PDB file of N, CA and C in Angstrom:
ATOM      1  N   UNK A   1      14.156-102.785  -5.157  1.00  0.00           N
ATOM      2  CA  UNK A   1      13.083-102.141  -5.876  1.00  0.00           C
ATOM      3  C   UNK A   1      13.637-100.898  -6.581  1.00  0.00           C
ATOM      4  N   UNK A   2      13.239-100.715  -7.816  1.00  0.00           N
ATOM      5  CA  UNK A   2      13.707 -99.571  -8.597  1.00  0.00           C
ATOM      6  C   UNK A   2      12.926 -98.316  -8.210  1.00  0.00           C
ATOM      7  N   UNK A   3      13.617 -97.196  -8.266  1.00  0.00           N
ATOM      8  CA  UNK A   3      12.960 -95.927  -7.952  1.00  0.00           C
ATOM      9  C   UNK A   3      12.285 -95.366  -9.197  1.00  0.00           C
ATOM     10  N   UNK A   4      11.441 -94.378  -9.001  1.00  0.00           N
ATOM     11  CA  UNK A   4      10.800 -93.712 -10.130  1.00  0.00           C
ATOM     12  C   UNK A   4      11.824 -93.078 -11.053  1.00  0.00           C
ATOM     13  N   UNK A   5      12.886 -92.542 -10.476  1.00  0.00           N
ATOM     14  CA  UNK A   5      13.941 -91.919 -11.278  1.00  0.00           C
ATOM     15  C   UNK A   5      14.621 -92.953 -12.173  1.00  0.00           C
ATOM     16  N   UNK A   6      14.898 -94.131 -11.631  1.00  0.00           N
ATOM     17  CA  UNK A   6      15.529 -95.186 -12.422  1.00  0.00           C
ATOM     18  C   UNK A   6      14.607 -95.651 -13.539  1.00  0.00           C
ATOM     19  N   UNK A   7      13.325 -95.761 -13.250  1.00  0.00           N
ATOM     20  CA  UNK A   7      12.362 -96.161 -14.279  1.00  0.00           C
ATOM     21  C   UNK A   7      12.280 -95.111 -15.384  1.00  0.00           C
ATOM     22  N   UNK A   8      12.309 -93.838 -15.008  1.00  0.00           N
ATOM     23  CA  UNK A   8      12.290 -92.760 -15.995  1.00  0.00           C
ATOM     24  C   UNK A   8      13.500 -92.842 -16.911  1.00  0.00           C
ATOM     25  N   UNK A   9      14.677 -93.037 -16.341  1.00  0.00           N
ATOM     26  CA  UNK A   9      15.896 -93.148 -17.143  1.00  0.00           C
ATOM     27  C   UNK A   9      15.824 -94.368 -18.047  1.00  0.00           C
ATOM     28  N   UNK A  10      15.322 -95.482 -17.548  1.00  0.00           N
ATOM     29  CA  UNK A  10      15.167 -96.682 -18.377  1.00  0.00           C
ATOM     30  C   UNK A  10      14.261 -96.410 -19.575  1.00  0.00           C
ATOM     31  N   UNK A  11      13.166 -95.698 -19.347  1.00  0.00           N
ATOM     32  CA  UNK A  11      12.237 -95.368 -20.441  1.00  0.00           C
ATOM     33  C   UNK A  11      12.891 -94.436 -21.455  1.00  0.00           C
ATOM     34  N   UNK A  12      13.634 -93.453 -20.977  1.00  0.00           N
ATOM     35  CA  UNK A  12      14.332 -92.545 -21.894  1.00  0.00           C
ATOM     36  C   UNK A  12      15.324 -93.311 -22.764  1.00  0.00           C
ATOM     37  N   UNK A  13      16.076 -94.201 -22.152  1.00  0.00           N
ATOM     38  CA  UNK A  13      17.046 -95.000 -22.909  1.00  0.00           C
ATOM     39  C   UNK A  13      16.348 -95.922 -23.900  1.00  0.00           C
ATOM     40  N   UNK A  14      15.231 -96.502 -23.502  1.00  0.00           N
ATOM     41  CA  UNK A  14      14.485 -97.396 -24.390  1.00  0.00           C
ATOM     42  C   UNK A  14      13.962 -96.654 -25.616  1.00  0.00           C
ATOM     43  N   UNK A  15      13.710 -95.352 -25.474  1.00  0.00           N
ATOM     44  CA  UNK A  15      13.227 -94.542 -26.590  1.00  0.00           C
ATOM     45  C   UNK A  15      14.370 -93.960 -27.416  1.00  0.00           C
ATOM     46  N   UNK A  16      15.607 -94.268 -27.040  1.00  0.00           N
ATOM     47  CA  UNK A  16      16.757 -93.809 -27.811  1.00  0.00           C
ATOM     48  C   UNK A  16      17.245 -92.415 -27.460  1.00  0.00           C
ATOM     49  N   UNK A  17      16.789 -91.883 -26.339  1.00  0.00           N
ATOM     50  CA  UNK A  17      17.233 -90.550 -25.919  1.00  0.00           C
ATOM     51  C   UNK A  17      18.681 -90.650 -25.452  1.00  0.00           C
ATOM     52  N   UNK A  18      19.548 -89.812 -26.033  1.00  0.00           N
ATOM     53  CA  UNK A  18      20.945 -89.824 -25.610  1.00  0.00           C
ATOM     54  C   UNK A  18      21.409 -88.464 -25.095  1.00  0.00           C
ATOM     55  N   UNK A  19      20.542 -87.461 -25.157  1.00  0.00           N
ATOM     56  CA  UNK A  19      20.873 -86.125 -24.673  1.00  0.00           C
ATOM     57  C   UNK A  19      19.656 -85.536 -23.969  1.00  0.00           C
ATOM     58  N   UNK A  20      19.889 -84.929 -22.829  1.00  0.00           N
ATOM     59  CA  UNK A  20      18.804 -84.270 -22.100  1.00  0.00           C
ATOM     60  C   UNK A  20      19.328 -82.952 -21.545  1.00  0.00           C
ATOM     61  N   UNK A  21      18.476 -81.959 -21.533  1.00  0.00           N
ATOM     62  CA  UNK A  21      18.839 -80.647 -21.017  1.00  0.00           C
ATOM     63  C   UNK A  21      17.952 -80.317 -19.832  1.00  0.00           C
ATOM     64  N   UNK A  22      18.474 -79.560 -18.902  1.00  0.00           N
ATOM     65  CA  UNK A  22      17.676 -79.148 -17.763  1.00  0.00           C
ATOM     66  C   UNK A  22      18.499 -78.296 -16.822  1.00  0.00           C
ATOM     67  N   UNK A  23      17.831 -77.767 -15.841  1.00  0.00           N
ATOM     68  CA  UNK A  23      18.489 -76.984 -14.801  1.00  0.00           C
ATOM     69  C   UNK A  23      18.520 -77.850 -13.551  1.00  0.00           C
ATOM     70  N   UNK A  24      19.714 -78.283 -13.131  1.00  0.00           N
ATOM     71  CA  UNK A  24      19.777 -79.165 -11.972  1.00  0.00           C
ATOM     72  C   UNK A  24      19.221 -78.481 -10.724  1.00  0.00           C
ATOM     73  N   UNK A  25      18.463 -79.234  -9.992  1.00  0.00           N
ATOM     74  CA  UNK A  25      17.892 -78.699  -8.760  1.00  0.00           C
ATOM     75  C   UNK A  25      17.462 -79.818  -7.844  1.00  0.00           C
ATOM     76  N   UNK A  26      17.149 -79.456  -6.645  1.00  0.00           N
ATOM     77  CA  UNK A  26      16.822 -80.451  -5.629  1.00  0.00           C
ATOM     78  C   UNK A  26      15.587 -81.265  -5.972  1.00  0.00           C
ATOM     79  N   UNK A  27      14.684 -80.697  -6.751  1.00  0.00           N
ATOM     80  CA  UNK A  27      13.423 -81.386  -7.030  1.00  0.00           C
ATOM     81  C   UNK A  27      13.603 -82.673  -7.826  1.00  0.00           C
ATOM     82  N   UNK A  28      14.685 -82.805  -8.573  1.00  0.00           N
ATOM     83  CA  UNK A  28      14.886 -84.050  -9.307  1.00  0.00           C
ATOM     84  C   UNK A  28      16.329 -84.550  -9.246  1.00  0.00           C
ATOM     85  N   UNK A  29      16.941 -84.406  -8.091  1.00  0.00           N
ATOM     86  CA  UNK A  29      18.291 -84.925  -7.897  1.00  0.00           C
ATOM     87  C   UNK A  29      18.344 -86.439  -8.072  1.00  0.00           C
ATOM     88  N   UNK A  30      17.276 -87.130  -7.727  1.00  0.00           N
ATOM     89  CA  UNK A  30      17.252 -88.587  -7.892  1.00  0.00           C
ATOM     90  C   UNK A  30      17.384 -88.959  -9.366  1.00  0.00           C
ATOM     91  N   UNK A  31      16.790 -88.168 -10.251  1.00  0.00           N
ATOM     92  CA  UNK A  31      16.907 -88.425 -11.692  1.00  0.00           C
ATOM     93  C   UNK A  31      18.347 -88.198 -12.136  1.00  0.00           C
ATOM     94  N   UNK A  32      18.969 -87.139 -11.656  1.00  0.00           N
ATOM     95  CA  UNK A  32      20.362 -86.878 -12.011  1.00  0.00           C
ATOM     96  C   UNK A  32      21.266 -88.004 -11.515  1.00  0.00           C
ATOM     97  N   UNK A  33      21.004 -88.499 -10.311  1.00  0.00           N
ATOM     98  CA  UNK A  33      21.777 -89.629  -9.783  1.00  0.00           C
ATOM     99  C   UNK A  33      21.584 -90.869 -10.649  1.00  0.00           C
ATOM    100  N   UNK A  34      20.355 -91.125 -11.073  1.00  0.00           N
ATOM    101  CA  UNK A  34      20.075 -92.290 -11.915  1.00  0.00           C
ATOM    102  C   UNK A  34      20.761 -92.150 -13.268  1.00  0.00           C
ATOM    103  N   UNK A  35      20.775 -90.942 -13.820  1.00  0.00           N
ATOM    104  CA  UNK A  35      21.475 -90.716 -15.087  1.00  0.00           C
ATOM    105  C   UNK A  35      22.968 -90.964 -14.920  1.00  0.00           C
ATOM    106  N   UNK A  36      23.531 -90.497 -13.823  1.00  0.00           N
ATOM    107  CA  UNK A  36      24.960 -90.686 -13.564  1.00  0.00           C
ATOM    108  C   UNK A  36      25.298 -92.170 -13.425  1.00  0.00           C
ATOM    109  N   UNK A  37      24.423 -92.922 -12.773  1.00  0.00           N
ATOM    110  CA  UNK A  37      24.661 -94.349 -12.541  1.00  0.00           C
ATOM    111  C   UNK A  37      24.518 -95.184 -13.806  1.00  0.00           C
ATOM    112  N   UNK A  38      23.874 -94.643 -14.828  1.00  0.00           N
ATOM    113  CA  UNK A  38      23.616 -95.402 -16.052  1.00  0.00           C
ATOM    114  C   UNK A  38      24.808 -95.417 -16.962  1.00  0.00           C
TER     115      UNK A  38
END
C-alpha cells in the first residue's frame, strides 16, 4: 500500500513539478524519503 507521502510525490510529478523548496523537519520526513526514492 502506498503512503500519503508517496501519493503526494506522484501528484507533484504528474503536474510537472521538478523543484521544491522547504525546511526539512520531522513533520514531513516521509515526504522527503519519498522524494529521495523517486
